[in-house]
Amino acid sequence: MPEIVCVGEAVVDLFAPTGTSLKDADRFIRAAGGACANTSVCLARLGRDVGLVGRVGDDAFGDHLIELIGSEGADTTHLRKLAGHFTTTVLVASPTPDQQDFTIFRGADAELLSVHLDESYIGEATVLCYGSPVFTGTSRDAGIEAVSMARRHGTLVSFDANYRPGLWSSEESARAGISEGIRSCDICKLNEVELEFLTG
């Protein structure tokens, strides 16, 4: 069983050329993304025993993510394809060094359910990592249940605030969801923008 379990999103990012807006972009470069997927890969590269729990689409992008994340050394036993859904895809542009624009086509990652979770897999880990996107779809109950499983087994919980406006119906719902995640965790990762957004 992995020492660290990440629960959440694995997505495909399509990046416009630097300095180009989404409106003006005429080509995109594919990259694997999603904060939880990125965390699992970075931890694997650091030599940690890590697994990723999530859902990707039953499509070519889903195959690509499972193969790529697995090739980096993360356990993908619980990163599975979801029939009838596409892999979440994000268009990303950085028209200026201080600005990023996102258009998010939400797919399978939002459909992680509590029944998809294996309590022994989470409970035997030392650390559970998850982030706020899990609160923005049908996956909300799965995020809450993953934390409950971790708590029952004394597993440390790490939460990534990871505010992405396009995932939330309003700023108020985002503050409420992210605050719920912060209350659930032992360690919270957030940046200055997120801190100001949450606290003013």
C-alpha atoms as a PDB file:
ATOM      1  CA  MET A   1       0.000   0.000   0.000  1.00  0.00           C
ATOM      2  CA  PRO A   2       1.272   3.527  -0.743  1.00  0.00           C
ATOM      3  CA  GLU A   3       2.675   5.729   1.995  1.00  0.00           C
ATOM      4  CA  ILE A   4       0.833   8.749   0.530  1.00  0.00           C
ATOM      5  CA  VAL A   5      -2.541   8.677  -1.234  1.00  0.00           C
ATOM      6  CA  CYS A   6      -3.738  11.578  -3.404  1.00  0.00           C
ATOM      7  CA  VAL A   7      -7.476  11.769  -4.069  1.00  0.00           C
ATOM      8  CA  GLY A   8      -8.674  14.044  -6.845  1.00  0.00           C
ATOM      9  CA  GLU A   9      -8.227  15.304 -10.342  1.00  0.00           C
ATOM     10  CA  ALA A  10      -6.093  14.103 -13.243  1.00  0.00           C
ATOM     11  CA  VAL A  11      -6.767  16.273 -16.292  1.00  0.00           C
ATOM     12  CA  VAL A  12      -5.305  17.226 -19.643  1.00  0.00           C
ATOM     13  CA  ASP A  13      -4.142  20.842 -19.956  1.00  0.00           C
ATOM     14  CA  LEU A  14      -3.940  22.408 -23.402  1.00  0.00           C
ATOM     15  CA  PHE A  15      -1.590  25.428 -23.262  1.00  0.00           C
ATOM     16  CA  ALA A  16      -1.758  28.336 -25.684  1.00  0.00           C
ATOM     17  CA  PRO A  17       1.593  29.864 -26.674  1.00  0.00           C
ATOM     18  CA  THR A  18       2.993  32.168 -23.977  1.00  0.00           C
ATOM     19  CA  GLY A  19       1.831  35.747 -24.417  1.00  0.00           C
ATOM     20  CA  THR A  20      -1.316  34.694 -26.283  1.00  0.00           C
ATOM     21  CA  SER A  21      -4.884  34.987 -25.031  1.00  0.00           C
ATOM     22  CA  LEU A  22      -7.411  32.200 -25.455  1.00  0.00           C
ATOM     23  CA  LYS A  23      -9.245  34.416 -27.930  1.00  0.00           C
ATOM     24  CA  ASP A  24      -6.175  34.719 -30.151  1.00  0.00           C
ATOM     25  CA  ALA A  25      -4.631  31.260 -29.724  1.00  0.00           C
ATOM     26  CA  ASP A  26      -4.408  29.187 -32.902  1.00  0.00           C
ATOM     27  CA  ARG A  27      -2.646  26.153 -31.414  1.00  0.00           C
ATOM     28  CA  PHE A  28      -2.225  24.401 -28.085  1.00  0.00           C
ATOM     29  CA  ILE A  29       0.347  22.096 -26.497  1.00  0.00           C
ATOM     30  CA  ARG A  30      -0.887  19.139 -24.455  1.00  0.00           C
ATOM     31  CA  ALA A  31       0.347  18.475 -20.917  1.00  0.00           C
ATOM     32  CA  ALA A  32      -0.821  16.282 -18.079  1.00  0.00           C
ATOM     33  CA  GLY A  33      -2.292  18.296 -15.238  1.00  0.00           C
ATOM     34  CA  GLY A  34      -4.511  18.466 -12.203  1.00  0.00           C
ATOM     35  CA  ALA A  35      -3.135  19.402  -8.794  1.00  0.00           C
ATOM     36  CA  CYS A  36      -3.567  15.913  -7.315  1.00  0.00           C
ATOM     37  CA  ALA A  37      -2.007  14.225 -10.339  1.00  0.00           C
ATOM     38  CA  ASN A  38       0.873  16.719 -10.278  1.00  0.00           C
ATOM     39  CA  THR A  39       1.392  16.108  -6.561  1.00  0.00           C
ATOM     40  CA  SER A  40       1.474  12.339  -7.013  1.00  0.00           C
ATOM     41  CA  VAL A  41       4.047  12.597  -9.818  1.00  0.00           C
ATOM     42  CA  CYS A  42       6.252  15.044  -7.894  1.00  0.00           C
ATOM     43  CA  LEU A  43       6.180  12.815  -4.808  1.00  0.00           C
ATOM     44  CA  ALA A  44       7.047   9.763  -6.914  1.00  0.00           C
ATOM     45  CA  ARG A  45       9.983  11.655  -8.440  1.00  0.00           C
ATOM     46  CA  LEU A  46      11.166  12.398  -4.890  1.00  0.00           C
ATOM     47  CA  GLY A  47      11.192   8.667  -4.207  1.00  0.00           C
ATOM     48  CA  ARG A  48       8.031   8.461  -2.130  1.00  0.00           C
ATOM     49  CA  ASP A  49       5.584   5.563  -2.393  1.00  0.00           C
ATOM     50  CA  VAL A  50       2.434   7.313  -3.647  1.00  0.00           C
ATOM     51  CA  GLY A  51      -0.889   6.387  -5.216  1.00  0.00           C
ATOM     52  CA  LEU A  52      -3.545   8.421  -7.046  1.00  0.00           C
ATOM     53  CA  VAL A  53      -7.289   7.841  -6.646  1.00  0.00           C
ATOM     54  CA  GLY A  54      -9.508   9.415  -9.285  1.00  0.00           C
ATOM     55  CA  ARG A  55     -11.444   9.070 -12.504  1.00  0.00           C
ATOM     56  CA  VAL A  56     -10.519   9.841 -16.102  1.00  0.00           C
ATOM     57  CA  GLY A  57     -12.600   9.444 -19.230  1.00  0.00           C
ATOM     58  CA  ASP A  58     -12.888   6.306 -21.289  1.00  0.00           C
ATOM     59  CA  ASP A  59     -10.941   7.996 -24.080  1.00  0.00           C
ATOM     60  CA  ALA A  60      -7.456   8.568 -25.496  1.00  0.00           C
ATOM     61  CA  PHE A  61      -6.675  11.311 -22.951  1.00  0.00           C
ATOM     62  CA  GLY A  62      -7.629   8.955 -20.127  1.00  0.00           C
ATOM     63  CA  ASP A  63      -5.303   6.279 -21.496  1.00  0.00           C
ATOM     64  CA  HIS A  64      -2.541   8.870 -21.814  1.00  0.00           C
ATOM     65  CA  LEU A  65      -2.878  10.050 -18.194  1.00  0.00           C
ATOM     66  CA  ILE A  66      -2.937   6.570 -16.681  1.00  0.00           C
ATOM     67  CA  GLU A  67       0.107   5.515 -18.683  1.00  0.00           C
ATOM     68  CA  LEU A  68       2.065   8.714 -18.044  1.00  0.00           C
ATOM     69  CA  ILE A  69       1.384   8.941 -14.306  1.00  0.00           C
ATOM     70  CA  GLY A  70       2.159   5.254 -13.897  1.00  0.00           C
ATOM     71  CA  SER A  71       5.409   5.619 -15.831  1.00  0.00           C
ATOM     72  CA  GLU A  72       6.500   8.283 -13.333  1.00  0.00           C
ATOM     73  CA  GLY A  73       6.235   5.751 -10.514  1.00  0.00           C
ATOM     74  CA  ALA A  74       2.863   6.585  -8.946  1.00  0.00           C
ATOM     75  CA  ASP A  75       0.445   3.733  -8.341  1.00  0.00           C
ATOM     76  CA  THR A  76      -2.547   4.100 -10.676  1.00  0.00           C
ATOM     77  CA  THR A  77      -4.490   1.052  -9.470  1.00  0.00           C
ATOM     78  CA  HIS A  78      -7.283   3.375  -8.318  1.00  0.00           C
ATOM     79  CA  LEU A  79      -7.053   5.859 -11.198  1.00  0.00           C
ATOM     80  CA  ARG A  80      -9.670   4.340 -13.458  1.00  0.00           C
ATOM     81  CA  LYS A  81     -11.544   5.121 -16.626  1.00  0.00           C
ATOM     82  CA  LEU A  82     -15.223   5.978 -16.323  1.00  0.00           C
ATOM     83  CA  ALA A  83     -17.401   4.680 -19.135  1.00  0.00           C
ATOM     84  CA  GLY A  84     -19.578   7.245 -20.864  1.00  0.00           C
ATOM     85  CA  HIS A  85     -17.469  10.206 -19.732  1.00  0.00           C
ATOM     86  CA  PHE A  86     -14.646  12.215 -21.256  1.00  0.00           C
ATOM     87  CA  THR A  87     -11.427  13.240 -19.510  1.00  0.00           C
ATOM     88  CA  THR A  88     -11.569  16.714 -18.003  1.00  0.00           C
ATOM     89  CA  THR A  89      -9.760  19.098 -20.363  1.00  0.00           C
ATOM     90  CA  VAL A  90      -8.523  22.598 -19.548  1.00  0.00           C
ATOM     91  CA  LEU A  91      -7.562  25.325 -22.021  1.00  0.00           C
ATOM     92  CA  VAL A  92      -4.885  27.549 -20.471  1.00  0.00           C
ATOM     93  CA  ALA A  93      -3.483  30.866 -21.691  1.00  0.00           C
ATOM     94  CA  SER A  94      -0.997  33.303 -20.124  1.00  0.00           C
ATOM     95  CA  PRO A  95      -1.390  36.542 -22.071  1.00  0.00           C
ATOM     96  CA  THR A  96       0.817  38.324 -19.510  1.00  0.00           C
ATOM     97  CA  PRO A  97       3.269  37.056 -16.864  1.00  0.00           C
ATOM     98  CA  ASP A  98       0.744  37.889 -14.129  1.00  0.00           C
ATOM     99  CA  GLN A  99      -2.402  36.554 -15.800  1.00  0.00           C
ATOM    100  CA  GLN A 100      -3.738  33.087 -16.537  1.00  0.00           C
ATOM    101  CA  ASP A 101      -7.028  32.377 -18.280  1.00  0.00           C
ATOM    102  CA  PHE A 102      -8.744  29.006 -18.016  1.00  0.00           C
ATOM    103  CA  THR A 103     -11.627  27.375 -19.854  1.00  0.00           C
ATOM    104  CA  ILE A 104     -12.520  24.110 -18.159  1.00  0.00           C
ATOM    105  CA  PHE A 105     -14.443  21.277 -19.818  1.00  0.00           C
ATOM    106  CA  ARG A 106     -15.353  19.246 -16.750  1.00  0.00           C
ATOM    107  CA  GLY A 107     -15.540  15.516 -17.259  1.00  0.00           C
ATOM    108  CA  ALA A 108     -14.837  12.300 -15.408  1.00  0.00           C
ATOM    109  CA  ASP A 109     -12.842  13.722 -12.501  1.00  0.00           C
ATOM    110  CA  ALA A 110     -16.030  15.338 -11.128  1.00  0.00           C
ATOM    111  CA  GLU A 111     -17.725  11.919 -11.037  1.00  0.00           C
ATOM    112  CA  LEU A 112     -15.568  10.257  -8.373  1.00  0.00           C
ATOM    113  CA  LEU A 113     -18.019   8.628  -5.938  1.00  0.00           C
ATOM    114  CA  SER A 114     -17.740   7.323  -2.398  1.00  0.00           C
ATOM    115  CA  VAL A 115     -18.281   3.779  -3.693  1.00  0.00           C
ATOM    116  CA  HIS A 116     -15.093   4.160  -5.745  1.00  0.00           C
ATOM    117  CA  LEU A 117     -12.990   4.520  -2.573  1.00  0.00           C
ATOM    118  CA  ASP A 118     -11.125   1.646  -0.931  1.00  0.00           C
ATOM    119  CA  GLU A 119     -10.866   2.306   2.805  1.00  0.00           C
ATOM    120  CA  SER A 120      -7.943  -0.057   3.278  1.00  0.00           C
ATOM    121  CA  TYR A 121      -6.009   1.784   0.541  1.00  0.00           C
ATOM    122  CA  ILE A 122      -6.565   5.171   2.210  1.00  0.00           C
ATOM    123  CA  GLY A 123      -6.438   3.930   5.790  1.00  0.00           C
ATOM    124  CA  GLU A 124      -3.043   2.269   5.503  1.00  0.00           C
ATOM    125  CA  ALA A 125      -1.456   5.434   4.125  1.00  0.00           C
ATOM    126  CA  THR A 126       0.470   7.846   6.336  1.00  0.00           C
ATOM    127  CA  VAL A 127      -0.841  10.918   4.478  1.00  0.00           C
ATOM    128  CA  LEU A 128      -3.981  11.721   2.464  1.00  0.00           C
ATOM    129  CA  CYS A 129      -3.666  14.632  -0.005  1.00  0.00           C
ATOM    130  CA  TYR A 130      -6.687  16.218  -1.666  1.00  0.00           C
ATOM    131  CA  GLY A 131      -7.825  19.612  -2.943  1.00  0.00           C
ATOM    132  CA  SER A 132     -10.807  21.890  -3.393  1.00  0.00           C
ATOM    133  CA  PRO A 133     -11.847  20.722  -6.909  1.00  0.00           C
ATOM    134  CA  VAL A 134     -13.199  17.558  -5.301  1.00  0.00           C
ATOM    135  CA  PHE A 135     -15.906  19.751  -3.701  1.00  0.00           C
ATOM    136  CA  THR A 136     -17.158  21.144  -7.018  1.00  0.00           C
ATOM    137  CA  GLY A 137     -18.939  18.199  -8.620  1.00  0.00           C
ATOM    138  CA  THR A 138     -20.629  14.941  -7.817  1.00  0.00           C
ATOM    139  CA  SER A 139     -17.286  14.051  -6.222  1.00  0.00           C
ATOM    140  CA  ARG A 140     -18.013  16.186  -3.128  1.00  0.00           C
ATOM    141  CA  ASP A 141     -19.310  13.228  -1.104  1.00  0.00           C
ATOM    142  CA  ALA A 142     -16.259  11.201  -2.099  1.00  0.00           C
ATOM    143  CA  GLY A 143     -13.957  13.932  -0.792  1.00  0.00           C
ATOM    144  CA  ILE A 144     -15.784  14.037   2.537  1.00  0.00           C
ATOM    145  CA  GLU A 145     -15.758  10.239   2.783  1.00  0.00           C
ATOM    146  CA  ALA A 146     -12.032  10.038   1.954  1.00  0.00           C
ATOM    147  CA  VAL A 147     -11.288  12.376   4.865  1.00  0.00           C
ATOM    148  CA  SER A 148     -13.567  10.334   7.156  1.00  0.00           C
ATOM    149  CA  MET A 149     -11.689   7.166   6.169  1.00  0.00           C
ATOM    150  CA  ALA A 150      -8.371   8.885   6.867  1.00  0.00           C
ATOM    151  CA  ARG A 151      -9.560  10.097  10.270  1.00  0.00           C
ATOM    152  CA  ARG A 152     -10.725   6.632  11.292  1.00  0.00           C
ATOM    153  CA  HIS A 153      -7.206   5.339  10.726  1.00  0.00           C
ATOM    154  CA  GLY A 154      -5.161   8.254  12.061  1.00  0.00           C
ATOM    155  CA  THR A 155      -3.966   9.294   8.599  1.00  0.00           C
ATOM    156  CA  LEU A 156      -2.638  12.859   8.277  1.00  0.00           C
ATOM    157  CA  VAL A 157      -4.795  15.009   5.952  1.00  0.00           C
ATOM    158  CA  SER A 158      -3.280  17.615   3.613  1.00  0.00           C
ATOM    159  CA  PHE A 159      -5.554  20.011   1.694  1.00  0.00           C
ATOM    160  CA  ASP A 160      -4.756  22.210  -1.328  1.00  0.00           C
ATOM    161  CA  ALA A 161      -6.992  25.313  -1.515  1.00  0.00           C
ATOM    162  CA  ASN A 162      -6.370  25.467  -5.313  1.00  0.00           C
ATOM    163  CA  TYR A 163      -8.991  28.114  -6.143  1.00  0.00           C
ATOM    164  CA  ARG A 164     -10.131  27.922  -9.781  1.00  0.00           C
ATOM    165  CA  PRO A 165     -13.060  30.337 -10.353  1.00  0.00           C
ATOM    166  CA  GLY A 166     -14.346  28.405 -13.375  1.00  0.00           C
ATOM    167  CA  LEU A 167     -15.157  25.396 -11.201  1.00  0.00           C
ATOM    168  CA  TRP A 168     -17.498  27.222  -8.826  1.00  0.00           C
ATOM    169  CA  SER A 169     -20.980  28.671  -9.290  1.00  0.00           C
ATOM    170  CA  SER A 170     -20.052  31.770  -7.288  1.00  0.00           C
ATOM    171  CA  GLU A 171     -17.336  33.266  -5.099  1.00  0.00           C
ATOM    172  CA  GLU A 172     -19.493  32.544  -2.061  1.00  0.00           C
ATOM    173  CA  SER A 173     -19.746  28.849  -2.866  1.00  0.00           C
ATOM    174  CA  ALA A 174     -15.994  28.734  -3.444  1.00  0.00           C
ATOM    175  CA  ARG A 175     -15.246  30.316  -0.071  1.00  0.00           C
ATOM    176  CA  ALA A 176     -17.623  27.900   1.634  1.00  0.00           C
ATOM    177  CA  GLY A 177     -16.196  24.824  -0.100  1.00  0.00           C
ATOM    178  CA  ILE A 178     -12.550  25.753   0.400  1.00  0.00           C
ATOM    179  CA  SER A 179     -13.212  26.695   4.037  1.00  0.00           C
ATOM    180  CA  GLU A 180     -14.798  23.278   4.561  1.00  0.00           C
ATOM    181  CA  GLY A 181     -11.645  21.664   3.227  1.00  0.00           C
ATOM    182  CA  ILE A 182      -9.428  23.763   5.469  1.00  0.00           C
ATOM    183  CA  ARG A 183     -11.444  22.755   8.532  1.00  0.00           C
ATOM    184  CA  SER A 184     -10.971  19.093   7.606  1.00  0.00           C
ATOM    185  CA  CYS A 185      -7.187  19.108   7.315  1.00  0.00           C
ATOM    186  CA  ASP A 186      -3.999  19.016   9.359  1.00  0.00           C
ATOM    187  CA  ILE A 187      -1.945  20.839   6.709  1.00  0.00           C
ATOM    188  CA  CYS A 188      -3.254  23.430   4.241  1.00  0.00           C
ATOM    189  CA  LYS A 189      -1.402  24.590   1.126  1.00  0.00           C
ATOM    190  CA  LEU A 190      -2.515  27.931  -0.297  1.00  0.00           C
ATOM    191  CA  ASN A 191      -0.973  30.891  -2.094  1.00  0.00           C
ATOM    192  CA  GLU A 192      -1.249  34.646  -1.424  1.00  0.00           C
ATOM    193  CA  VAL A 193      -4.110  35.105  -3.893  1.00  0.00           C
ATOM    194  CA  GLU A 194      -6.108  32.337  -2.231  1.00  0.00           C
ATOM    195  CA  LEU A 195      -5.362  33.687   1.253  1.00  0.00           C
ATOM    196  CA  GLU A 196      -6.627  37.138   0.272  1.00  0.00           C
ATOM    197  CA  PHE A 197      -9.688  35.621  -1.443  1.00  0.00           C
ATOM    198  CA  LEU A 198     -10.602  33.690   1.699  1.00  0.00           C
ATOM    199  CA  THR A 199      -9.854  36.304   4.332  1.00  0.00           C
ATOM    200  CA  GLY A 200      -9.791  39.721   2.641  1.00  0.00           C
END
